[in-house]
Amino acid sequence: MKGDTGRALTARPDCGASLIETLVAFSLTVAVSAAAFFLFVLHQRLARAQLETASLLQAQQAAHLELRRALRAAGRGGLAYQLPGQTPRPELAVEVEKHVRAGHAVGSRTAAEGTDVLVVRGVMNGPLYWVDEYGFDPAARRGWIVVHARTPYASAQSLEMLRQAGEAGDDALLLVSGDTPGVHAVVPIVDVAASGRGRHRRLRVEFHADASRGPLAAGFLSMSSGGSWPAGYMSRVDRGGVLEEWRFYIRPPDPESPRGPQLAMARLYPGTAVAWRRRSANLTQVIADGIADLEVALRETGEDGGPSVTLLTTARIGEPAAAALRVERSAAALVQLRNLR
């Protein structure tokens, strides 16, 4: 029995693995696992970067679409033109506040430091109405216009926007002279009275031209030809429309929430710092998330001889201070100012 036990103990001297073999196998397993994990993380980061880049591309497309739409309507109604012999004022239609400081006000809101603020004015979202009748009392500095749903040329024009402006009050009315090209007045709407139905519907819009009646009236009239009511040049009003002002700016990130920078637009009463309808919600209409910078360059002459605007937006996702954790994309666009030629 003892001999058998000794033979059993020495019969398989090479069974099992040595310590070195175990360490080598373990090292190879760790190396392969580490390589697989590295490839997994790499592909995960690439997939996330592609998704973030696609998100930024979509945000910039939305931003440029809205900016181009607004700029193409800038100055509609002849806002930039002045009295005969006076220099046009294109800044009334398009104005750029460059590289604003921290706390720069957009109404009661603020823009991100170092970015640009784009100001656009014009008859942008409503029609330029044909005016059928007009009257003005210089002593009382009050006047009225009459607009029909059916123009003298038998075409239809919707009166809804003008009716809503009259119901809310304080909206700016742009009046364009029918006698002298380029002459216009910007006045507050006082009241709107409707009569008739269907194609015979008409609106009588009352306004005043007294700058002493408040900051809105003063701001509106300052954008008229000559900076006030163009006395002697408004013997006949040919067209009219609701004048709008929109400001496009970058909202800074909110440190108390996950919200990053945003491109937003604010509607104000033209020539003032007062939110339209006096509602703060009209100052923070978000266009696109992730837009961290807006640069606007206004050129006096474009390719066709007219003024143009160059837009440059920078979209960013991730930690601004860590390049490895940041995805960034810049895009540019050129817009011709059709109403300032």
Protein backbone atom coordinates (compact mmCIF):
# COMPACT_ATOMS: atom_id res chain seq x y z
CA MET A 1 0.00 0.00 0.00
CA LYS A 2 2.80 2.34 0.79
CA GLY A 3 4.42 1.53 -2.53
CA ASP A 4 1.23 2.14 -4.37
CA THR A 5 0.80 5.52 -2.67
CA GLY A 6 4.27 6.63 -3.61
CA ARG A 7 3.71 5.61 -7.21
CA ALA A 8 0.44 7.53 -7.26
CA LEU A 9 2.15 10.67 -5.99
CA THR A 10 4.91 10.57 -8.57
CA ALA A 11 3.01 9.27 -11.57
CA ARG A 12 1.90 12.76 -12.94
CA PRO A 13 4.58 15.28 -12.09
CA ASP A 14 3.37 17.83 -14.81
CA CYS A 15 -0.34 18.17 -13.91
CA GLY A 16 -1.80 21.75 -13.15
CA ALA A 17 -0.21 25.15 -14.05
CA SER A 18 2.72 26.95 -12.60
CA LEU A 19 2.51 30.39 -11.01
CA ILE A 20 4.19 32.00 -14.01
CA GLU A 21 1.74 30.43 -16.42
CA THR A 22 -1.16 31.63 -14.29
CA LEU A 23 0.21 35.17 -14.23
CA VAL A 24 0.75 35.18 -18.01
CA ALA A 25 -2.78 33.94 -18.65
CA PHE A 26 -4.20 36.51 -16.26
CA SER A 27 -2.20 39.29 -17.90
CA LEU A 28 -3.42 38.30 -21.38
CA THR A 29 -7.01 38.21 -20.12
CA VAL A 30 -6.66 41.67 -18.57
CA ALA A 31 -5.05 43.05 -21.74
CA VAL A 32 -7.77 41.67 -24.00
CA SER A 33 -10.49 42.90 -21.63
CA ALA A 34 -8.89 46.33 -21.42
CA ALA A 35 -8.65 46.57 -25.22
CA ALA A 36 -12.27 45.53 -25.57
CA PHE A 37 -13.35 48.05 -22.95
CA PHE A 38 -11.28 50.79 -24.62
CA LEU A 39 -12.90 50.05 -27.99
CA PHE A 40 -16.34 50.07 -26.38
CA VAL A 41 -15.72 53.42 -24.71
CA LEU A 42 -14.22 54.84 -27.93
CA HIS A 43 -17.21 53.79 -30.03
CA GLN A 44 -19.57 55.07 -27.35
CA ARG A 45 -17.85 58.47 -27.38
CA LEU A 46 -17.88 58.56 -31.18
CA ALA A 47 -21.58 57.74 -31.24
CA ARG A 48 -22.32 60.39 -28.63
CA ALA A 49 -20.21 62.95 -30.49
CA GLN A 50 -22.07 62.20 -33.72
CA LEU A 51 -25.42 62.62 -31.97
CA GLU A 52 -24.29 65.88 -30.38
CA THR A 53 -22.93 67.16 -33.70
CA ALA A 54 -26.24 66.33 -35.38
CA SER A 55 -28.06 68.14 -32.56
CA LEU A 56 -25.85 71.21 -33.01
CA LEU A 57 -26.37 71.14 -36.77
CA GLN A 58 -30.14 71.06 -36.30
CA ALA A 59 -29.96 73.91 -33.77
CA GLN A 60 -27.91 76.08 -36.15
CA GLN A 61 -30.24 75.36 -39.04
CA ALA A 62 -33.20 76.50 -36.94
CA ALA A 63 -31.28 79.59 -35.77
CA HIS A 64 -30.20 80.66 -39.26
CA LEU A 65 -33.66 80.03 -40.69
CA GLU A 66 -35.27 82.40 -38.17
CA LEU A 67 -32.52 85.01 -38.49
CA ARG A 68 -32.67 85.02 -42.28
CA ARG A 69 -36.46 85.27 -42.25
CA ALA A 70 -36.35 88.30 -39.98
CA LEU A 71 -33.56 90.03 -41.89
CA ARG A 72 -35.32 89.63 -45.23
CA ALA A 73 -38.26 91.59 -43.80
CA ALA A 74 -36.07 94.25 -42.14
CA GLY A 75 -37.08 97.77 -43.15
CA ARG A 76 -40.22 96.63 -44.95
CA GLY A 77 -42.45 99.65 -45.41
CA GLY A 78 -39.62 102.13 -46.05
CA LEU A 79 -38.61 102.62 -42.43
CA ALA A 80 -34.99 103.54 -43.24
CA TYR A 81 -35.80 106.34 -45.67
CA GLN A 82 -36.03 109.95 -44.58
CA LEU A 83 -37.28 113.31 -45.82
CA PRO A 84 -36.11 114.43 -49.27
CA GLY A 85 -32.49 115.54 -49.08
CA GLN A 86 -31.80 113.79 -45.79
CA THR A 87 -29.51 110.79 -45.34
CA PRO A 88 -31.26 107.41 -45.02
CA ARG A 89 -31.07 105.71 -41.62
CA PRO A 90 -30.55 101.97 -42.23
CA GLU A 91 -29.89 101.49 -38.50
CA LEU A 92 -33.64 101.93 -37.96
CA ALA A 93 -34.19 98.68 -39.87
CA VAL A 94 -31.10 96.73 -38.74
CA GLU A 95 -28.94 97.56 -35.74
CA VAL A 96 -26.11 95.52 -34.22
CA GLU A 97 -24.96 95.86 -30.61
CA LYS A 98 -21.44 94.43 -30.74
CA HIS A 99 -19.69 92.37 -28.06
CA VAL A 100 -22.03 93.40 -25.26
CA ARG A 101 -20.89 93.55 -21.65
CA ALA A 102 -22.10 91.34 -18.85
CA GLY A 103 -25.62 92.28 -17.80
CA HIS A 104 -26.47 93.94 -21.14
CA ALA A 105 -30.22 94.54 -21.04
CA VAL A 106 -32.71 93.16 -23.54
CA GLY A 107 -35.83 94.59 -22.00
CA SER A 108 -35.84 93.06 -18.53
CA ARG A 109 -33.60 90.17 -19.67
CA THR A 110 -29.81 90.06 -20.18
CA ALA A 111 -27.57 88.84 -23.00
CA ALA A 112 -24.47 86.69 -22.60
CA GLU A 113 -21.22 88.63 -22.27
CA GLY A 114 -19.14 89.09 -25.42
CA THR A 115 -21.91 88.19 -27.86
CA ASP A 116 -23.76 90.40 -30.35
CA VAL A 117 -27.38 91.51 -30.17
CA LEU A 118 -29.23 91.87 -33.48
CA VAL A 119 -32.11 94.38 -33.66
CA VAL A 120 -34.54 94.09 -36.60
CA ARG A 121 -37.50 96.38 -37.31
CA GLY A 122 -40.10 96.50 -40.06
CA VAL A 123 -43.59 95.43 -41.08
CA MET A 124 -42.56 91.80 -40.75
CA ASN A 125 -45.43 89.43 -39.98
CA GLY A 126 -48.39 91.32 -41.38
CA PRO A 127 -49.37 92.97 -44.66
CA LEU A 128 -48.78 96.50 -45.81
CA TYR A 129 -52.39 97.65 -46.09
CA TRP A 130 -53.76 99.83 -48.81
CA VAL A 131 -55.29 102.91 -47.17
CA ASP A 132 -58.58 104.13 -48.64
CA GLU A 133 -59.19 107.22 -46.51
CA TYR A 134 -57.03 109.38 -44.29
CA GLY A 135 -57.40 112.40 -42.00
CA PHE A 136 -55.18 114.33 -39.59
CA ASP A 137 -55.91 117.22 -37.22
CA PRO A 138 -52.63 119.16 -36.67
CA ALA A 139 -54.02 121.07 -33.68
CA ALA A 140 -55.08 117.95 -31.78
CA ARG A 141 -52.24 115.91 -33.30
CA ARG A 142 -54.66 113.09 -33.94
CA GLY A 143 -55.59 111.28 -37.13
CA TRP A 144 -57.21 108.21 -38.64
CA ILE A 145 -57.03 105.88 -41.60
CA VAL A 146 -59.62 103.55 -43.13
CA VAL A 147 -58.62 100.15 -44.46
CA HIS A 148 -60.95 97.86 -46.44
CA ALA A 149 -60.82 94.08 -46.75
CA ARG A 150 -60.98 94.60 -50.51
CA THR A 151 -58.34 96.93 -51.96
CA PRO A 152 -59.02 99.45 -54.75
CA TYR A 153 -57.33 96.92 -57.06
CA ALA A 154 -59.89 94.22 -56.19
CA SER A 155 -57.42 92.10 -54.20
CA ALA A 156 -58.19 90.86 -50.68
CA GLN A 157 -56.19 91.84 -47.58
CA SER A 158 -56.63 90.26 -44.16
CA LEU A 159 -57.47 92.81 -41.45
CA GLU A 160 -56.92 90.46 -38.52
CA MET A 161 -53.48 91.64 -37.43
CA LEU A 162 -54.52 95.28 -37.57
CA ARG A 163 -57.70 94.51 -35.61
CA GLN A 164 -55.73 92.69 -32.89
CA ALA A 165 -53.26 95.57 -32.66
CA GLY A 166 -56.13 97.97 -32.09
CA GLU A 167 -57.74 95.82 -29.42
CA ALA A 168 -54.49 95.56 -27.43
CA GLY A 169 -53.55 99.23 -27.95
CA ASP A 170 -50.10 100.86 -27.99
CA ASP A 171 -48.88 99.03 -31.09
CA ALA A 172 -46.87 101.07 -33.58
CA LEU A 173 -48.53 102.03 -36.85
CA LEU A 174 -46.27 102.75 -39.82
CA LEU A 175 -47.81 105.21 -42.28
CA VAL A 176 -46.24 105.66 -45.73
CA SER A 177 -46.82 108.84 -47.71
CA GLY A 178 -48.48 108.58 -51.08
CA ASP A 179 -47.14 111.91 -52.34
CA THR A 180 -43.44 111.92 -51.48
CA PRO A 181 -41.46 108.64 -51.86
CA GLY A 182 -39.73 107.45 -48.69
CA VAL A 183 -41.62 109.72 -46.29
CA HIS A 184 -43.21 107.87 -43.37
CA ALA A 185 -44.50 108.32 -39.83
CA VAL A 186 -44.57 105.91 -36.88
CA VAL A 187 -47.40 106.60 -34.42
CA PRO A 188 -49.22 104.79 -31.59
CA ILE A 189 -52.57 103.17 -32.33
CA VAL A 190 -55.31 104.58 -30.11
CA ASP A 191 -58.38 102.63 -31.23
CA VAL A 192 -59.75 100.47 -34.03
CA ALA A 193 -63.43 100.37 -35.00
CA ALA A 194 -64.73 97.65 -37.34
CA SER A 195 -67.80 97.75 -39.57
CA GLY A 196 -69.24 95.72 -42.41
CA ARG A 197 -68.81 92.05 -43.19
CA GLY A 198 -66.96 89.84 -45.61
CA ARG A 199 -65.52 91.67 -48.60
CA HIS A 200 -67.16 94.90 -47.36
CA ARG A 201 -65.48 94.77 -43.95
CA ARG A 202 -63.55 97.91 -43.02
CA LEU A 203 -61.44 99.18 -40.12
CA ARG A 204 -61.10 102.76 -38.96
CA VAL A 205 -57.78 103.06 -37.14
CA GLU A 206 -57.23 106.10 -34.92
CA PHE A 207 -53.78 107.30 -33.86
CA HIS A 208 -52.04 110.29 -32.31
CA ALA A 209 -48.71 112.01 -33.01
CA ASP A 210 -48.01 113.65 -29.65
CA ALA A 211 -44.55 112.69 -28.32
CA SER A 212 -45.38 114.19 -24.91
CA ARG A 213 -47.91 111.46 -24.19
CA GLY A 214 -45.36 108.92 -22.99
CA PRO A 215 -42.18 107.00 -23.83
CA LEU A 216 -43.89 104.79 -26.40
CA ALA A 217 -45.13 107.74 -28.42
CA ALA A 218 -41.73 109.45 -28.18
CA GLY A 219 -39.93 106.28 -29.26
CA PHE A 220 -42.27 105.72 -32.19
CA LEU A 221 -42.14 109.27 -33.51
CA SER A 222 -38.34 109.33 -33.30
CA MET A 223 -38.35 106.74 -36.10
CA SER A 224 -40.49 108.90 -38.37
CA SER A 225 -39.00 110.85 -41.25
CA GLY A 226 -37.02 113.69 -39.71
CA GLY A 227 -37.45 112.20 -36.24
CA SER A 228 -40.98 113.55 -35.70
CA TRP A 229 -44.30 113.86 -37.50
CA PRO A 230 -43.27 114.83 -41.05
CA ALA A 231 -45.37 118.00 -41.23
CA GLY A 232 -46.09 119.07 -44.79
CA TYR A 233 -45.24 115.68 -46.26
CA MET A 234 -48.17 113.53 -45.11
CA SER A 235 -50.96 115.15 -47.08
CA ARG A 236 -51.94 111.66 -48.27
CA VAL A 237 -51.28 108.24 -46.78
CA ASP A 238 -50.91 105.45 -49.29
CA ARG A 239 -49.96 102.39 -47.19
CA GLY A 240 -49.92 101.37 -43.52
CA GLY A 241 -48.88 98.44 -41.35
CA VAL A 242 -48.05 97.26 -37.84
CA LEU A 243 -44.38 97.99 -37.14
CA GLU A 244 -42.49 95.34 -35.14
CA GLU A 245 -39.14 95.20 -33.37
CA TRP A 246 -37.34 91.92 -32.65
CA ARG A 247 -34.06 91.47 -30.81
CA PHE A 248 -32.02 88.29 -31.23
CA TYR A 249 -29.57 87.52 -28.44
CA ILE A 250 -27.77 84.73 -26.56
CA ARG A 251 -29.25 83.79 -23.21
CA PRO A 252 -26.44 82.90 -20.80
CA PRO A 253 -26.44 79.45 -19.15
CA ASP A 254 -28.37 79.06 -15.92
CA PRO A 255 -25.92 77.97 -13.17
CA GLU A 256 -28.79 76.62 -11.07
CA SER A 257 -30.14 74.30 -13.78
CA PRO A 258 -28.82 72.06 -16.59
CA ARG A 259 -29.87 74.67 -19.18
CA GLY A 260 -27.03 75.78 -21.41
CA PRO A 261 -26.81 78.86 -23.65
CA GLN A 262 -29.70 79.54 -26.02
CA LEU A 263 -30.44 81.77 -28.97
CA ALA A 264 -33.61 83.67 -28.12
CA MET A 265 -35.65 86.47 -29.60
CA ALA A 266 -37.47 89.26 -27.81
CA ARG A 267 -40.26 91.43 -29.12
CA LEU A 268 -40.39 94.98 -27.82
CA TYR A 269 -42.31 98.09 -28.73
CA PRO A 270 -40.21 99.68 -31.50
CA GLY A 271 -37.60 102.16 -30.33
CA THR A 272 -38.19 101.41 -26.64
CA ALA A 273 -37.03 98.99 -23.93
CA VAL A 274 -40.62 97.94 -23.13
CA ALA A 275 -41.65 94.32 -23.73
CA TRP A 276 -44.42 93.95 -26.28
CA ARG A 277 -47.79 93.74 -24.52
CA ARG A 278 -45.71 94.37 -21.36
CA ARG A 279 -45.26 90.63 -20.90
CA SER A 280 -41.86 89.28 -19.94
CA ALA A 281 -42.64 86.04 -21.80
CA ASN A 282 -42.28 87.99 -25.06
CA LEU A 283 -38.61 88.58 -24.22
CA THR A 284 -37.54 84.93 -24.01
CA GLN A 285 -38.85 83.12 -27.07
CA VAL A 286 -36.21 80.42 -27.51
CA ILE A 287 -35.16 79.62 -31.08
CA ALA A 288 -32.44 77.00 -30.48
CA ASP A 289 -30.55 75.40 -27.60
CA GLY A 290 -26.79 75.13 -27.49
CA ILE A 291 -26.05 78.35 -29.43
CA ALA A 292 -23.21 79.87 -27.42
CA ASP A 293 -22.21 82.83 -29.60
CA LEU A 294 -23.71 85.15 -32.22
CA GLU A 295 -21.63 87.47 -34.38
CA VAL A 296 -23.26 89.87 -36.83
CA ALA A 297 -21.46 92.01 -39.41
CA LEU A 298 -23.38 94.64 -41.39
CA ARG A 299 -21.89 95.51 -44.78
CA GLU A 300 -22.78 98.67 -46.61
CA THR A 301 -22.67 96.99 -50.01
CA GLY A 302 -23.33 93.41 -50.95
CA GLU A 303 -22.61 91.44 -54.10
CA ASP A 304 -25.49 93.11 -55.96
CA GLY A 305 -24.74 96.59 -54.68
CA GLY A 306 -27.15 96.46 -51.74
CA PRO A 307 -26.41 96.11 -48.03
CA SER A 308 -26.00 92.66 -46.54
CA VAL A 309 -25.54 90.97 -43.18
CA THR A 310 -23.09 88.19 -42.36
CA LEU A 311 -24.17 85.88 -39.55
CA LEU A 312 -21.80 83.61 -37.62
CA THR A 313 -23.15 81.30 -34.93
CA THR A 314 -21.18 78.98 -32.67
CA ALA A 315 -23.01 75.99 -31.24
CA ARG A 316 -21.50 74.19 -28.29
CA ILE A 317 -22.33 71.20 -26.09
CA GLY A 318 -20.25 70.18 -23.11
CA GLU A 319 -18.00 71.80 -20.53
CA PRO A 320 -16.61 75.08 -21.94
CA ALA A 321 -13.40 74.81 -19.89
CA ALA A 322 -12.54 71.25 -21.00
CA ALA A 323 -11.86 70.86 -24.72
CA ALA A 324 -11.95 67.05 -24.46
CA LEU A 325 -15.52 67.20 -23.15
CA ARG A 326 -16.77 69.83 -25.59
CA VAL A 327 -18.35 69.50 -29.02
CA GLU A 328 -18.34 72.76 -30.97
CA ARG A 329 -19.49 73.80 -34.41
CA SER A 330 -19.51 77.14 -36.25
CA ALA A 331 -21.64 78.13 -39.23
CA ALA A 332 -21.94 81.30 -41.31
CA ALA A 333 -24.64 82.76 -43.56
CA LEU A 334 -24.94 85.83 -45.79
CA VAL A 335 -28.29 87.63 -46.04
CA GLN A 336 -29.12 90.39 -48.51
CA LEU A 337 -31.26 93.21 -47.08
CA ARG A 338 -33.92 93.45 -49.74
CA ASN A 339 -35.77 96.48 -48.37
CA LEU A 340 -32.69 98.71 -48.00
CA ARG A 341 -31.52 98.76 -51.60
